[in-house]
Amino acid sequence: TRNAASPQDGSRTASEAERTAHRVTYSAIAGGVTGRTALPRWLAIVSGLISIIGGIVVFTLPGVAIVTFVLFGGWILIAIGVATLFSLPPKKGAESATPVETASA
């Protein structure tokens, strides 16, 4: 089968992970339509109840909710920034930037 993301020459460009992600997405959509899902029903019920309780808390205590969202967002931004800095590729020519020790005879 031909992947929608593949170029006209027929070569495959999508990785196996991308294809798996598409399958998972399509199965989630199909599960919502057919009523069959990969996750247990109790997990969806618990998730829904937690969302409802969270919504009630946000409506009743908006000040606490805003402070919590801001603090959580700040920590997430810090974590993303640190992870981005550590995942940068090395600078071109960085290998030659360190001094080379010469052995004395």
N, C-alpha and C. Protein backbone atom coordinates (compact mmCIF):
# COMPACT_ATOMS: atom_id res chain seq x y z
N THR A 1 0.84 -1.19 0.00
CA THR A 1 0.00 0.00 0.00
C THR A 1 0.87 1.24 0.00
N ARG A 2 0.38 2.27 -0.56
CA ARG A 2 1.13 3.51 -0.67
C ARG A 2 0.78 4.44 0.48
N ASN A 3 1.80 4.98 1.12
CA ASN A 3 1.60 5.89 2.23
C ASN A 3 1.27 7.27 1.69
N ALA A 4 0.35 7.97 2.34
CA ALA A 4 -0.06 9.30 1.87
C ALA A 4 1.09 10.29 1.96
N ALA A 5 2.05 10.06 2.86
CA ALA A 5 3.16 10.98 3.03
C ALA A 5 4.33 10.67 2.11
N SER A 6 4.24 9.61 1.32
CA SER A 6 5.37 9.23 0.47
C SER A 6 5.40 10.09 -0.78
N PRO A 7 6.60 10.35 -1.29
CA PRO A 7 6.71 11.17 -2.49
C PRO A 7 6.22 10.43 -3.72
N GLN A 8 6.16 11.13 -4.85
CA GLN A 8 5.62 10.57 -6.08
C GLN A 8 6.46 9.42 -6.64
N ASP A 9 7.76 9.37 -6.31
CA ASP A 9 8.58 8.31 -6.87
C ASP A 9 8.33 6.95 -6.22
N GLY A 10 7.49 6.92 -5.21
CA GLY A 10 7.12 5.64 -4.60
C GLY A 10 8.00 5.22 -3.43
N SER A 11 9.05 5.98 -3.12
CA SER A 11 9.90 5.60 -1.99
C SER A 11 9.15 5.86 -0.70
N ARG A 12 9.43 5.08 0.31
CA ARG A 12 8.73 5.21 1.58
C ARG A 12 9.51 6.16 2.48
N THR A 13 8.84 7.17 2.99
CA THR A 13 9.50 8.14 3.85
C THR A 13 8.99 8.07 5.29
N ALA A 14 7.81 7.55 5.52
CA ALA A 14 7.25 7.48 6.88
C ALA A 14 7.91 6.35 7.64
N SER A 15 8.27 6.63 8.88
CA SER A 15 8.90 5.62 9.71
C SER A 15 7.84 4.65 10.25
N GLU A 16 8.31 3.57 10.78
CA GLU A 16 7.39 2.58 11.36
C GLU A 16 6.61 3.19 12.53
N ALA A 17 7.26 4.07 13.29
CA ALA A 17 6.58 4.71 14.43
C ALA A 17 5.44 5.59 13.95
N GLU A 18 5.65 6.31 12.85
CA GLU A 18 4.57 7.16 12.32
C GLU A 18 3.40 6.31 11.86
N ARG A 19 3.70 5.21 11.20
CA ARG A 19 2.61 4.34 10.73
C ARG A 19 1.85 3.75 11.91
N THR A 20 2.58 3.38 12.97
CA THR A 20 1.92 2.84 14.16
C THR A 20 1.04 3.90 14.80
N ALA A 21 1.53 5.14 14.86
CA ALA A 21 0.74 6.23 15.45
C ALA A 21 -0.54 6.45 14.66
N HIS A 22 -0.45 6.36 13.35
CA HIS A 22 -1.65 6.52 12.53
C HIS A 22 -2.64 5.39 12.79
N ARG A 23 -2.11 4.17 12.93
CA ARG A 23 -3.00 3.03 13.21
C ARG A 23 -3.71 3.22 14.55
N VAL A 24 -2.97 3.69 15.56
CA VAL A 24 -3.55 3.90 16.88
C VAL A 24 -4.63 4.98 16.81
N THR A 25 -4.35 6.05 16.08
CA THR A 25 -5.34 7.12 15.95
C THR A 25 -6.59 6.63 15.25
N TYR A 26 -6.41 5.91 14.16
CA TYR A 26 -7.57 5.40 13.43
C TYR A 26 -8.35 4.39 14.26
N SER A 27 -7.65 3.58 15.06
CA SER A 27 -8.37 2.61 15.88
C SER A 27 -9.13 3.31 17.00
N ALA A 28 -8.60 4.44 17.50
CA ALA A 28 -9.32 5.19 18.53
C ALA A 28 -10.59 5.80 17.95
N ILE A 29 -10.50 6.32 16.74
CA ILE A 29 -11.68 6.88 16.08
C ILE A 29 -12.70 5.79 15.83
N ALA A 30 -12.23 4.66 15.31
CA ALA A 30 -13.14 3.55 15.05
C ALA A 30 -13.75 3.03 16.35
N GLY A 31 -12.98 3.01 17.42
CA GLY A 31 -13.50 2.56 18.70
C GLY A 31 -14.59 3.47 19.22
N GLY A 32 -14.44 4.78 18.98
CA GLY A 32 -15.49 5.71 19.40
C GLY A 32 -16.76 5.51 18.61
N VAL A 33 -16.64 5.11 17.36
CA VAL A 33 -17.83 4.91 16.51
C VAL A 33 -18.49 3.58 16.82
N THR A 34 -17.68 2.52 16.96
CA THR A 34 -18.24 1.18 17.13
C THR A 34 -18.52 0.81 18.58
N GLY A 35 -17.91 1.54 19.51
CA GLY A 35 -18.10 1.21 20.92
C GLY A 35 -17.07 0.24 21.45
N ARG A 36 -16.16 -0.22 20.60
CA ARG A 36 -15.08 -1.12 21.04
C ARG A 36 -13.81 -0.31 21.16
N THR A 37 -13.18 -0.35 22.32
CA THR A 37 -11.93 0.38 22.52
C THR A 37 -10.86 -0.56 23.03
N ALA A 38 -9.61 -0.10 22.94
CA ALA A 38 -8.49 -0.91 23.40
C ALA A 38 -8.33 -0.82 24.92
N LEU A 39 -8.86 0.23 25.53
CA LEU A 39 -8.74 0.41 26.97
C LEU A 39 -9.99 -0.10 27.68
N PRO A 40 -9.82 -0.51 28.93
CA PRO A 40 -11.01 -0.98 29.67
C PRO A 40 -12.01 0.16 29.92
N ARG A 41 -13.25 -0.21 30.01
CA ARG A 41 -14.32 0.78 30.20
C ARG A 41 -14.18 1.52 31.52
N TRP A 42 -13.72 0.84 32.57
CA TRP A 42 -13.59 1.48 33.87
C TRP A 42 -12.59 2.63 33.82
N LEU A 43 -11.56 2.51 32.99
CA LEU A 43 -10.57 3.56 32.88
C LEU A 43 -11.17 4.83 32.26
N ALA A 44 -12.02 4.66 31.29
CA ALA A 44 -12.71 5.81 30.69
C ALA A 44 -13.66 6.46 31.69
N ILE A 45 -14.33 5.65 32.49
CA ILE A 45 -15.25 6.19 33.51
C ILE A 45 -14.47 6.97 34.56
N VAL A 46 -13.35 6.42 35.04
CA VAL A 46 -12.53 7.11 36.05
C VAL A 46 -11.98 8.41 35.47
N SER A 47 -11.53 8.38 34.24
CA SER A 47 -11.01 9.59 33.59
C SER A 47 -12.09 10.65 33.47
N GLY A 48 -13.30 10.26 33.09
CA GLY A 48 -14.41 11.19 33.01
C GLY A 48 -14.77 11.80 34.35
N LEU A 49 -14.79 10.97 35.39
CA LEU A 49 -15.10 11.48 36.73
C LEU A 49 -14.05 12.46 37.22
N ILE A 50 -12.78 12.16 36.97
CA ILE A 50 -11.70 13.07 37.38
C ILE A 50 -11.83 14.40 36.64
N SER A 51 -12.19 14.35 35.37
CA SER A 51 -12.37 15.58 34.59
C SER A 51 -13.53 16.41 35.14
N ILE A 52 -14.62 15.75 35.49
CA ILE A 52 -15.78 16.47 36.04
C ILE A 52 -15.42 17.11 37.37
N ILE A 53 -14.74 16.37 38.25
CA ILE A 53 -14.33 16.91 39.55
C ILE A 53 -13.37 18.09 39.35
N GLY A 54 -12.44 17.95 38.40
CA GLY A 54 -11.52 19.04 38.11
C GLY A 54 -12.25 20.28 37.62
N GLY A 55 -13.26 20.10 36.79
CA GLY A 55 -14.05 21.23 36.31
C GLY A 55 -14.80 21.92 37.43
N ILE A 56 -15.35 21.15 38.35
CA ILE A 56 -16.06 21.72 39.50
C ILE A 56 -15.10 22.52 40.37
N VAL A 57 -13.89 21.99 40.59
CA VAL A 57 -12.90 22.70 41.39
C VAL A 57 -12.51 24.01 40.73
N VAL A 58 -12.33 23.99 39.41
CA VAL A 58 -11.97 25.22 38.69
C VAL A 58 -13.08 26.26 38.81
N PHE A 59 -14.34 25.84 38.71
CA PHE A 59 -15.45 26.78 38.84
C PHE A 59 -15.58 27.33 40.25
N THR A 60 -15.37 26.50 41.27
CA THR A 60 -15.57 26.94 42.65
C THR A 60 -14.37 27.67 43.23
N LEU A 61 -13.16 27.33 42.78
CA LEU A 61 -11.95 27.97 43.29
C LEU A 61 -11.08 28.48 42.13
N PRO A 62 -11.56 29.49 41.41
CA PRO A 62 -10.82 29.93 40.23
C PRO A 62 -9.43 30.50 40.54
N GLY A 63 -9.28 31.14 41.70
CA GLY A 63 -7.97 31.69 42.06
C GLY A 63 -6.93 30.59 42.24
N VAL A 64 -7.33 29.56 42.97
CA VAL A 64 -6.42 28.42 43.18
C VAL A 64 -6.12 27.73 41.86
N ALA A 65 -7.13 27.63 41.01
CA ALA A 65 -6.93 26.97 39.72
C ALA A 65 -5.95 27.75 38.85
N ILE A 66 -6.07 29.09 38.83
CA ILE A 66 -5.16 29.90 38.02
C ILE A 66 -3.73 29.77 38.53
N VAL A 67 -3.56 29.85 39.83
CA VAL A 67 -2.22 29.72 40.41
C VAL A 67 -1.64 28.34 40.09
N THR A 68 -2.45 27.32 40.20
CA THR A 68 -1.99 25.96 39.90
C THR A 68 -1.60 25.82 38.44
N PHE A 69 -2.43 26.35 37.54
CA PHE A 69 -2.13 26.27 36.11
C PHE A 69 -0.85 27.02 35.78
N VAL A 70 -0.67 28.20 36.37
CA VAL A 70 0.52 28.99 36.09
C VAL A 70 1.77 28.29 36.61
N LEU A 71 1.71 27.78 37.82
CA LEU A 71 2.88 27.07 38.37
C LEU A 71 3.20 25.81 37.58
N PHE A 72 2.17 25.05 37.26
CA PHE A 72 2.38 23.83 36.48
C PHE A 72 2.94 24.17 35.09
N GLY A 73 2.38 25.20 34.47
CA GLY A 73 2.88 25.62 33.16
C GLY A 73 4.31 26.10 33.23
N GLY A 74 4.67 26.82 34.28
CA GLY A 74 6.05 27.27 34.45
C GLY A 74 7.02 26.11 34.56
N TRP A 75 6.67 25.12 35.38
CA TRP A 75 7.54 23.95 35.52
C TRP A 75 7.66 23.17 34.22
N ILE A 76 6.56 23.07 33.50
CA ILE A 76 6.59 22.37 32.21
C ILE A 76 7.50 23.11 31.23
N LEU A 77 7.39 24.44 31.17
CA LEU A 77 8.25 25.22 30.27
C LEU A 77 9.72 25.09 30.64
N ILE A 78 10.03 25.08 31.93
CA ILE A 78 11.42 24.89 32.36
C ILE A 78 11.91 23.51 31.93
N ALA A 79 11.10 22.48 32.14
CA ALA A 79 11.51 21.12 31.76
C ALA A 79 11.71 21.00 30.25
N ILE A 80 10.82 21.61 29.48
CA ILE A 80 10.96 21.56 28.02
C ILE A 80 12.22 22.30 27.59
N GLY A 81 12.50 23.44 28.19
CA GLY A 81 13.70 24.19 27.85
C GLY A 81 14.98 23.42 28.14
N VAL A 82 15.04 22.80 29.31
CA VAL A 82 16.22 22.00 29.66
C VAL A 82 16.37 20.81 28.72
N ALA A 83 15.28 20.12 28.45
CA ALA A 83 15.34 18.97 27.54
C ALA A 83 15.76 19.40 26.15
N THR A 84 15.29 20.56 25.69
CA THR A 84 15.68 21.05 24.38
C THR A 84 17.17 21.37 24.33
N LEU A 85 17.68 22.02 25.38
CA LEU A 85 19.10 22.34 25.39
C LEU A 85 19.98 21.09 25.41
N PHE A 86 19.56 20.08 26.15
CA PHE A 86 20.36 18.85 26.21
C PHE A 86 20.23 18.01 24.94
N SER A 87 19.20 18.24 24.16
CA SER A 87 19.02 17.43 22.96
C SER A 87 19.54 18.11 21.69
N LEU A 88 20.15 19.28 21.83
CA LEU A 88 20.72 19.97 20.67
C LEU A 88 21.86 19.14 20.09
N PRO A 89 21.98 19.13 18.77
CA PRO A 89 23.12 18.43 18.17
C PRO A 89 24.41 19.20 18.46
N PRO A 90 25.54 18.51 18.45
CA PRO A 90 26.79 19.21 18.72
C PRO A 90 27.09 20.25 17.65
N LYS A 91 27.78 21.31 18.05
CA LYS A 91 28.14 22.37 17.12
C LYS A 91 29.12 21.85 16.09
N LYS A 92 28.97 22.29 14.84
CA LYS A 92 29.88 21.85 13.80
C LYS A 92 31.30 22.26 14.16
N GLY A 93 32.21 21.33 14.02
CA GLY A 93 33.60 21.62 14.32
C GLY A 93 33.91 21.59 15.79
N ALA A 94 32.98 21.14 16.62
CA ALA A 94 33.21 21.12 18.06
C ALA A 94 34.30 20.13 18.43
N GLU A 95 34.47 19.10 17.63
CA GLU A 95 35.50 18.11 17.93
C GLU A 95 36.88 18.73 17.83
N SER A 96 37.08 19.66 16.89
CA SER A 96 38.39 20.27 16.69
C SER A 96 38.60 21.48 17.59
N ALA A 97 37.61 21.89 18.34
CA ALA A 97 37.72 23.06 19.19
C ALA A 97 38.53 22.78 20.44
N THR A 98 38.65 21.54 20.85
CA THR A 98 39.42 21.21 22.04
C THR A 98 40.90 21.13 21.67
N PRO A 99 41.76 21.64 22.53
CA PRO A 99 43.19 21.59 22.21
C PRO A 99 43.70 20.15 22.18
N VAL A 100 44.59 19.92 21.25
CA VAL A 100 45.17 18.59 21.10
C VAL A 100 46.51 18.58 21.80
N GLU A 101 46.66 17.61 22.70
CA GLU A 101 47.93 17.51 23.41
C GLU A 101 48.92 16.76 22.55
N THR A 102 50.12 17.26 22.50
CA THR A 102 51.17 16.58 21.75
C THR A 102 52.09 15.85 22.72
N ALA A 103 52.49 14.69 22.34
CA ALA A 103 53.38 13.91 23.21
C ALA A 103 54.81 14.40 23.01
N SER A 104 55.46 14.67 24.13
CA SER A 104 56.85 15.10 24.01
C SER A 104 57.75 13.86 23.98
N ALA A 105 58.80 13.95 23.16
CA ALA A 105 59.66 12.79 22.97
C ALA A 105 60.77 12.73 23.94
